[in-house]
Protein backbone atom coordinates (compact mmCIF):
# COMPACT_ATOMS: atom_id res chain seq x y z
CA UNK A 1 -142.84 -43.00 -162.55
CA UNK A 2 -140.79 -40.20 -163.54
CA UNK A 3 -142.63 -38.16 -166.14
CA UNK A 4 -140.09 -36.62 -168.83
CA UNK A 5 -140.63 -33.70 -171.09
CA UNK A 6 -139.47 -33.43 -174.60
CA UNK A 7 -138.40 -29.81 -175.77
CA UNK A 8 -137.75 -29.02 -179.57
CA UNK A 9 -135.79 -25.84 -180.29
CA UNK A 10 -137.31 -23.73 -183.01
CA UNK A 11 -135.80 -20.47 -184.68
CA UNK A 12 -137.79 -17.40 -183.69
CA UNK A 13 -140.05 -16.05 -186.21
CA UNK A 14 -138.40 -13.66 -188.60
CA UNK A 15 -134.91 -15.49 -188.53
CA UNK A 16 -133.88 -17.15 -191.76
CA UNK A 17 -132.45 -20.83 -191.01
CA UNK A 18 -129.40 -22.26 -192.95
CA UNK A 19 -130.88 -25.04 -195.06
CA UNK A 20 -127.63 -26.57 -195.71
CA UNK A 21 -127.16 -27.28 -192.00
CA UNK A 22 -130.19 -28.49 -191.36
CA UNK A 23 -131.62 -32.18 -191.27
CA UNK A 24 -134.14 -32.61 -193.84
CA UNK A 25 -136.14 -35.36 -195.55
CA UNK A 26 -138.23 -35.44 -198.70
CA UNK A 27 -141.87 -36.99 -198.10
CA UNK A 28 -143.85 -38.05 -201.22
CA UNK A 29 -147.70 -36.40 -201.53
CA UNK A 30 -150.58 -37.89 -202.77
CA UNK A 31 -150.39 -39.47 -206.31
CA UNK A 32 -153.25 -37.40 -207.59
CA UNK A 33 -150.85 -34.63 -207.58
CA UNK A 34 -148.22 -36.21 -209.85
CA UNK A 35 -144.59 -36.76 -208.97
CA UNK A 36 -144.14 -33.75 -206.59
CA UNK A 37 -141.81 -33.78 -203.53
CA UNK A 38 -141.68 -31.20 -200.66
CA UNK A 39 -138.96 -30.97 -198.24
CA UNK A 40 -139.63 -30.93 -194.40
CA UNK A 41 -137.41 -30.52 -191.62
CA UNK A 42 -136.69 -33.81 -189.62
CA UNK A 43 -138.11 -33.96 -186.42
CA UNK A 44 -135.58 -33.61 -183.54
CA UNK A 45 -135.48 -35.38 -180.51
CA UNK A 46 -133.59 -34.60 -177.31
CA UNK A 47 -130.51 -36.63 -176.18
CA UNK A 48 -129.68 -35.07 -172.82
CA UNK A 49 -131.86 -34.37 -169.42
CA UNK A 50 -131.38 -32.99 -166.28
CA UNK A 51 -133.71 -34.08 -163.06
CA UNK A 52 -134.14 -33.23 -159.40
CA UNK A 53 -135.84 -35.65 -157.01
CA UNK A 54 -136.98 -35.36 -153.56
CA UNK A 55 -138.95 -37.68 -150.99
CA UNK A 56 -139.41 -37.29 -147.39
CA UNK A 57 -140.89 -40.18 -145.64
CA UNK A 58 -141.24 -42.01 -141.98
CA UNK A 59 -139.26 -45.09 -141.34
CA UNK A 60 -140.54 -46.86 -138.34
CA UNK A 61 -136.84 -48.66 -138.35
CA UNK A 62 -134.14 -46.47 -139.25
CA UNK A 63 -131.18 -48.53 -138.03
CA UNK A 64 -132.76 -51.70 -139.78
CA UNK A 65 -132.08 -53.57 -136.34
CA UNK A 66 -133.51 -56.46 -134.95
CA UNK A 67 -133.15 -55.81 -131.50
CA UNK A 68 -135.63 -53.65 -129.74
CA UNK A 69 -132.84 -52.05 -127.89
CA UNK A 70 -131.54 -50.38 -131.06
CA UNK A 71 -134.95 -49.99 -133.04
CA UNK A 72 -136.39 -46.53 -133.32
CA UNK A 73 -138.20 -44.31 -135.92
CA UNK A 74 -136.93 -41.29 -137.93
CA UNK A 75 -137.95 -38.98 -140.60
CA UNK A 76 -135.73 -39.64 -143.76
CA UNK A 77 -135.17 -37.10 -146.61
CA UNK A 78 -133.51 -38.07 -149.89
CA UNK A 79 -132.64 -35.27 -152.60
CA UNK A 80 -131.20 -36.52 -155.69
CA UNK A 81 -129.98 -34.27 -158.77
CA UNK A 82 -129.09 -36.14 -161.70
CA UNK A 83 -127.69 -35.22 -165.36
CA UNK A 84 -127.56 -37.92 -168.18
CA UNK A 85 -127.41 -38.67 -171.75
CA UNK A 86 -129.98 -40.64 -173.34
CA UNK A 87 -130.03 -40.07 -177.24
CA UNK A 88 -133.24 -41.75 -179.14
CA UNK A 89 -131.38 -43.33 -182.32
CA UNK A 90 -133.00 -42.42 -185.49
CA UNK A 91 -131.82 -45.25 -187.78
CA UNK A 92 -134.52 -47.64 -187.84
CA UNK A 93 -132.32 -50.63 -187.85
CA UNK A 94 -130.90 -49.70 -184.57
CA UNK A 95 -133.67 -48.12 -183.01
CA UNK A 96 -134.49 -50.81 -180.77
CA UNK A 97 -131.43 -49.98 -178.47
CA UNK A 98 -131.36 -47.54 -175.94
CA UNK A 99 -128.17 -46.33 -174.59
CA UNK A 100 -127.81 -44.33 -171.48
CA UNK A 101 -124.92 -42.63 -169.26
CA UNK A 102 -125.06 -40.15 -166.51
CA UNK A 103 -124.38 -39.19 -162.82
CA UNK A 104 -126.12 -38.91 -159.87
CA UNK A 105 -125.60 -37.57 -156.11
CA UNK A 106 -127.81 -38.76 -153.63
CA UNK A 107 -127.98 -36.90 -150.12
CA UNK A 108 -129.78 -39.01 -147.28
CA UNK A 109 -130.62 -36.90 -144.51
CA UNK A 110 -132.23 -37.68 -141.16
CA UNK A 111 -134.46 -36.39 -138.53
CA UNK A 112 -135.60 -37.36 -134.88
CA UNK A 113 -139.27 -38.70 -134.96
CA UNK A 114 -139.12 -40.56 -131.54
CA UNK A 115 -137.46 -41.01 -128.41
CA UNK A 116 -133.87 -42.66 -128.79
CA UNK A 117 -133.99 -45.99 -126.97
CA UNK A 118 -131.76 -45.90 -123.76
CA UNK A 119 -128.77 -47.71 -125.32
CA UNK A 120 -128.94 -45.53 -128.30
CA UNK A 121 -129.17 -42.37 -126.28
CA UNK A 122 -126.06 -42.97 -124.32
CA UNK A 123 -124.12 -43.15 -127.16
CA UNK A 124 -121.77 -40.15 -127.97
CA UNK A 125 -120.59 -38.44 -131.09
CA UNK A 126 -116.70 -38.41 -131.56
CA UNK A 127 -116.75 -34.85 -130.65
CA UNK A 128 -118.52 -35.92 -127.29
CA UNK A 129 -121.99 -34.35 -128.29
CA UNK A 130 -124.94 -36.29 -127.32
CA UNK A 131 -126.07 -38.50 -130.15
CA UNK A 132 -128.56 -37.31 -132.73
CA UNK A 133 -129.71 -39.05 -135.81
CA UNK A 134 -128.04 -36.57 -138.07
CA UNK A 135 -124.81 -38.45 -137.50
CA UNK A 136 -126.17 -40.78 -139.66
CA UNK A 137 -126.41 -38.32 -142.73
CA UNK A 138 -124.35 -39.27 -145.75
CA UNK A 139 -124.04 -39.03 -149.76
CA UNK A 140 -123.81 -41.08 -152.36
CA UNK A 141 -122.03 -40.28 -155.52
CA UNK A 142 -123.37 -42.38 -158.45
CA UNK A 143 -122.13 -42.49 -162.22
CA UNK A 144 -123.80 -45.28 -164.42
CA UNK A 145 -123.81 -46.36 -168.00
CA UNK A 146 -126.25 -48.93 -169.81
CA UNK A 147 -127.67 -50.03 -172.72
CA UNK A 148 -131.01 -51.17 -173.35
CA UNK A 149 -132.94 -53.43 -176.06
CA UNK A 150 -136.69 -53.32 -176.65
CA UNK A 151 -136.56 -57.25 -177.71
CA UNK A 152 -140.33 -57.05 -178.37
CA UNK A 153 -143.64 -55.16 -177.48
CA UNK A 154 -143.69 -56.73 -174.29
CA UNK A 155 -139.90 -57.40 -173.17
CA UNK A 156 -137.12 -54.74 -172.41
CA UNK A 157 -133.91 -56.18 -172.01
CA UNK A 158 -130.80 -53.81 -169.80
CA UNK A 159 -127.31 -54.43 -169.26
CA UNK A 160 -125.78 -51.93 -166.73
CA UNK A 161 -122.58 -50.90 -164.98
CA UNK A 162 -122.30 -48.08 -162.15
CA UNK A 163 -120.30 -46.98 -159.35
CA UNK A 164 -121.53 -45.83 -155.51
CA UNK A 165 -119.15 -43.93 -153.73
CA UNK A 166 -120.63 -43.44 -149.91
CA UNK A 167 -119.26 -40.79 -148.14
CA UNK A 168 -120.26 -39.74 -144.59
CA UNK A 169 -122.02 -36.10 -144.02
CA UNK A 170 -122.23 -35.92 -140.28
CA UNK A 171 -122.18 -32.35 -138.96
CA UNK A 172 -120.12 -33.32 -136.10
CA UNK A 173 -117.39 -35.41 -138.03
CA UNK A 174 -115.23 -34.55 -141.37
CA UNK A 175 -116.42 -36.64 -144.24
CA UNK A 176 -115.38 -40.18 -144.71
CA UNK A 177 -115.57 -42.29 -147.70
CA UNK A 178 -116.70 -45.67 -145.73
CA UNK A 179 -117.99 -47.82 -148.73
CA UNK A 180 -117.54 -48.19 -152.62
CA UNK A 181 -119.67 -50.50 -154.47
CA UNK A 182 -119.56 -51.62 -158.05
CA UNK A 183 -122.54 -53.35 -159.47
CA UNK A 184 -122.72 -55.12 -162.66
CA UNK A 185 -126.22 -55.92 -163.57
CA UNK A 186 -128.58 -57.13 -166.08
CA UNK A 187 -132.48 -56.77 -165.81
CA UNK A 188 -135.30 -57.92 -167.92
CA UNK A 189 -138.71 -56.57 -167.97
CA UNK A 190 -142.25 -57.75 -169.10
CA UNK A 191 -145.30 -55.77 -169.80
CA UNK A 192 -148.61 -56.48 -170.40
CA UNK A 193 -151.89 -54.31 -171.23
CA UNK A 194 -154.95 -56.32 -170.08
CA UNK A 195 -157.31 -53.34 -169.97
CA UNK A 196 -157.60 -49.67 -171.48
CA UNK A 197 -156.33 -48.41 -168.07
CA UNK A 198 -154.63 -51.02 -166.34
CA UNK A 199 -151.31 -53.41 -166.96
CA UNK A 200 -149.04 -55.53 -165.58
CA UNK A 201 -145.20 -55.92 -165.25
CA UNK A 202 -142.54 -58.38 -164.17
CA UNK A 203 -139.10 -57.34 -163.28
CA UNK A 204 -136.07 -59.74 -162.85
CA UNK A 205 -132.42 -58.03 -161.78
CA UNK A 206 -129.62 -60.18 -161.52
CA UNK A 207 -126.11 -58.51 -160.56
CA UNK A 208 -122.76 -59.01 -158.86
CA UNK A 209 -121.44 -56.06 -156.52
CA UNK A 210 -117.74 -55.55 -156.39
CA UNK A 211 -117.05 -53.63 -153.12
CA UNK A 212 -114.37 -51.91 -150.98
CA UNK A 213 -114.50 -53.05 -148.07
CA UNK A 214 -114.69 -56.87 -149.78
CA UNK A 215 -116.76 -57.93 -146.86
CA UNK A 216 -119.76 -56.08 -148.96
CA UNK A 217 -119.16 -58.25 -152.00
CA UNK A 218 -122.14 -60.10 -153.28
CA UNK A 219 -124.39 -61.47 -155.80
CA UNK A 220 -127.81 -59.36 -155.51
CA UNK A 221 -131.20 -60.61 -157.22
CA UNK A 222 -134.57 -58.89 -157.42
CA UNK A 223 -137.76 -60.08 -158.68
CA UNK A 224 -140.62 -57.55 -158.46
CA UNK A 225 -144.37 -57.89 -159.58
CA UNK A 226 -146.60 -54.78 -160.31
CA UNK A 227 -150.20 -53.95 -161.27
CA UNK A 228 -150.74 -50.54 -162.58
CA UNK A 229 -153.64 -48.40 -163.28
CA UNK A 230 -154.10 -45.25 -164.81
CA UNK A 231 -157.81 -44.03 -164.10
CA UNK A 232 -156.88 -40.46 -165.32
CA UNK A 233 -154.21 -39.39 -167.91
CA UNK A 234 -152.64 -37.43 -165.19
CA UNK A 235 -152.98 -39.99 -162.45
CA UNK A 236 -151.08 -43.26 -161.93
CA UNK A 237 -151.47 -45.83 -159.08
CA UNK A 238 -149.37 -48.86 -158.47
CA UNK A 239 -149.33 -52.00 -155.99
CA UNK A 240 -146.16 -53.97 -156.15
CA UNK A 241 -144.60 -56.96 -154.47
CA UNK A 242 -140.67 -57.10 -154.69
CA UNK A 243 -138.28 -60.02 -153.46
CA UNK A 244 -134.60 -59.64 -153.09
CA UNK A 245 -132.05 -62.38 -152.60
CA UNK A 246 -128.25 -61.56 -151.62
CA UNK A 247 -125.36 -63.88 -150.93
CA UNK A 248 -122.18 -62.43 -149.79
CA UNK A 249 -118.92 -63.79 -151.16
CA UNK A 250 -116.28 -61.16 -150.64
CA UNK A 251 -113.02 -62.02 -148.38
CA UNK A 252 -113.71 -60.86 -145.32
CA UNK A 253 -111.83 -57.75 -143.24
CA UNK A 254 -111.65 -58.30 -139.74
CA UNK A 255 -112.04 -54.83 -139.20
CA UNK A 256 -115.40 -54.46 -140.56
CA UNK A 257 -118.71 -56.46 -140.49
CA UNK A 258 -118.67 -60.07 -140.45
CA UNK A 259 -120.42 -61.11 -143.54
CA UNK A 260 -118.59 -64.45 -143.81
CA UNK A 261 -121.41 -66.78 -145.69
CA UNK A 262 -124.04 -64.35 -145.39
CA UNK A 263 -127.47 -64.76 -147.01
CA UNK A 264 -130.34 -62.50 -147.08
CA UNK A 265 -133.74 -62.69 -148.09
CA UNK A 266 -136.08 -59.60 -148.12
CA UNK A 267 -139.68 -58.85 -149.34
CA UNK A 268 -141.35 -55.77 -149.61
CA UNK A 269 -144.96 -54.71 -150.34
CA UNK A 270 -146.19 -51.20 -151.42
CA UNK A 271 -148.45 -49.00 -152.98
CA UNK A 272 -147.96 -45.59 -154.70
CA UNK A 273 -150.08 -42.83 -156.35
CA UNK A 274 -148.58 -40.33 -158.82
CA UNK A 275 -150.14 -37.31 -159.93
CA UNK A 276 -148.40 -35.48 -163.11
CA UNK A 277 -150.24 -31.98 -163.47
CA UNK A 278 -147.92 -30.77 -166.06
CA UNK A 279 -145.37 -32.18 -168.22
CA UNK A 280 -142.23 -31.98 -166.44
CA UNK A 281 -143.51 -32.19 -162.98
CA UNK A 282 -144.63 -35.37 -160.94
CA UNK A 283 -145.84 -35.74 -157.34
CA UNK A 284 -146.42 -38.96 -155.61
CA UNK A 285 -147.34 -40.76 -152.15
CA UNK A 286 -146.41 -44.05 -151.10
CA UNK A 287 -146.07 -46.58 -148.64
CA UNK A 288 -144.69 -50.08 -148.33
CA UNK A 289 -143.57 -52.56 -145.57
CA UNK A 290 -139.93 -54.78 -145.81
CA UNK A 291 -139.26 -57.83 -143.64
CA UNK A 292 -135.58 -58.96 -144.20
CA UNK A 293 -134.64 -62.34 -142.91
CA UNK A 294 -130.65 -63.18 -142.74
CA UNK A 295 -128.10 -65.34 -141.32
CA UNK A 296 -126.52 -62.22 -140.37
CA UNK A 297 -128.40 -60.85 -137.22
CA UNK A 298 -126.32 -59.00 -135.44
CA UNK A 299 -126.23 -55.80 -137.59
CA UNK A 300 -128.63 -55.10 -140.29
CA UNK A 301 -129.53 -58.31 -141.80
CA UNK A 302 -132.89 -59.17 -140.01
CA UNK A 303 -135.51 -56.66 -139.34
CA UNK A 304 -138.81 -55.25 -140.09
CA UNK A 305 -139.52 -51.64 -141.25
CA UNK A 306 -142.64 -49.38 -142.40
CA UNK A 307 -142.07 -46.34 -144.80
CA UNK A 308 -144.78 -43.92 -145.64
CA UNK A 309 -144.02 -40.55 -147.37
CA UNK A 310 -144.29 -38.31 -150.47
CA UNK A 311 -141.88 -37.25 -153.10
CA UNK A 312 -141.40 -34.79 -156.06
CA UNK A 313 -139.84 -35.07 -159.24
CA UNK A 314 -138.81 -32.40 -162.09
CA UNK A 315 -137.08 -33.39 -165.40
CA UNK A 316 -136.17 -31.27 -168.22
CA UNK A 317 -135.04 -33.02 -171.45
CA UNK A 318 -132.93 -30.88 -174.18
């Protein structure tokens, strides 16, 4: 869970503000004082945010392969700078809507954590170098836009559209744009507090993913159950179960992966602990297990993987 800091800009002491340019509101005082009003500056709220998130974790099956001949563990690091626009609407009539737009850039990097299987070690890079997991490095450009609606105190709905532009980032070859995806999605989240420090949530997400190459076009649906506790103000724990069902529907390009009539079902179970010692910083530790079953076995549809690691998030709102 990301912690967000709100920053209010005020004039330094000794500087006179221009009342004509400031937003002010009149608030009535106690009736005992008669018909008297005072002018107070209307509270400002930030519209923009910048954040940097990084996580490092152990991945027991970094190739997401079923065959032991291609399965090995590696360290994975994901670094994500992001800037966004998320105004908080002041008009009470529309205050239940939450528009958001932004851009994030993700860097995926890998480091060896175990010996490569013989079938993998025998693979050479395009420049003739011995195989290294760093050849799998890539980055993702991700513009996005969404509109959320707080339907009630317990129910939140959201519609979103985004782009995911994947580019290889191997140290042994020039960058190559190997995949573009454009998910269009809706999401519904239900929250319920059943104790002072505990809550549960259910989140359902349905999307259709346009892709280039079209082999990767699909419907992609998720259902997540979470139990959250806050034993301390600065501490958050979460246990969750997530289920994913994806049906590939795109026109198949013979030069790419064969995803014809492919159906994937994934289940993930995990836990995390997040500590927020100060307003704009949070640290977390997490562990998860994923099992995927697919009608497409030859590539990365069927696998099991364990992840365990830590992460850090910084955010500034203005």
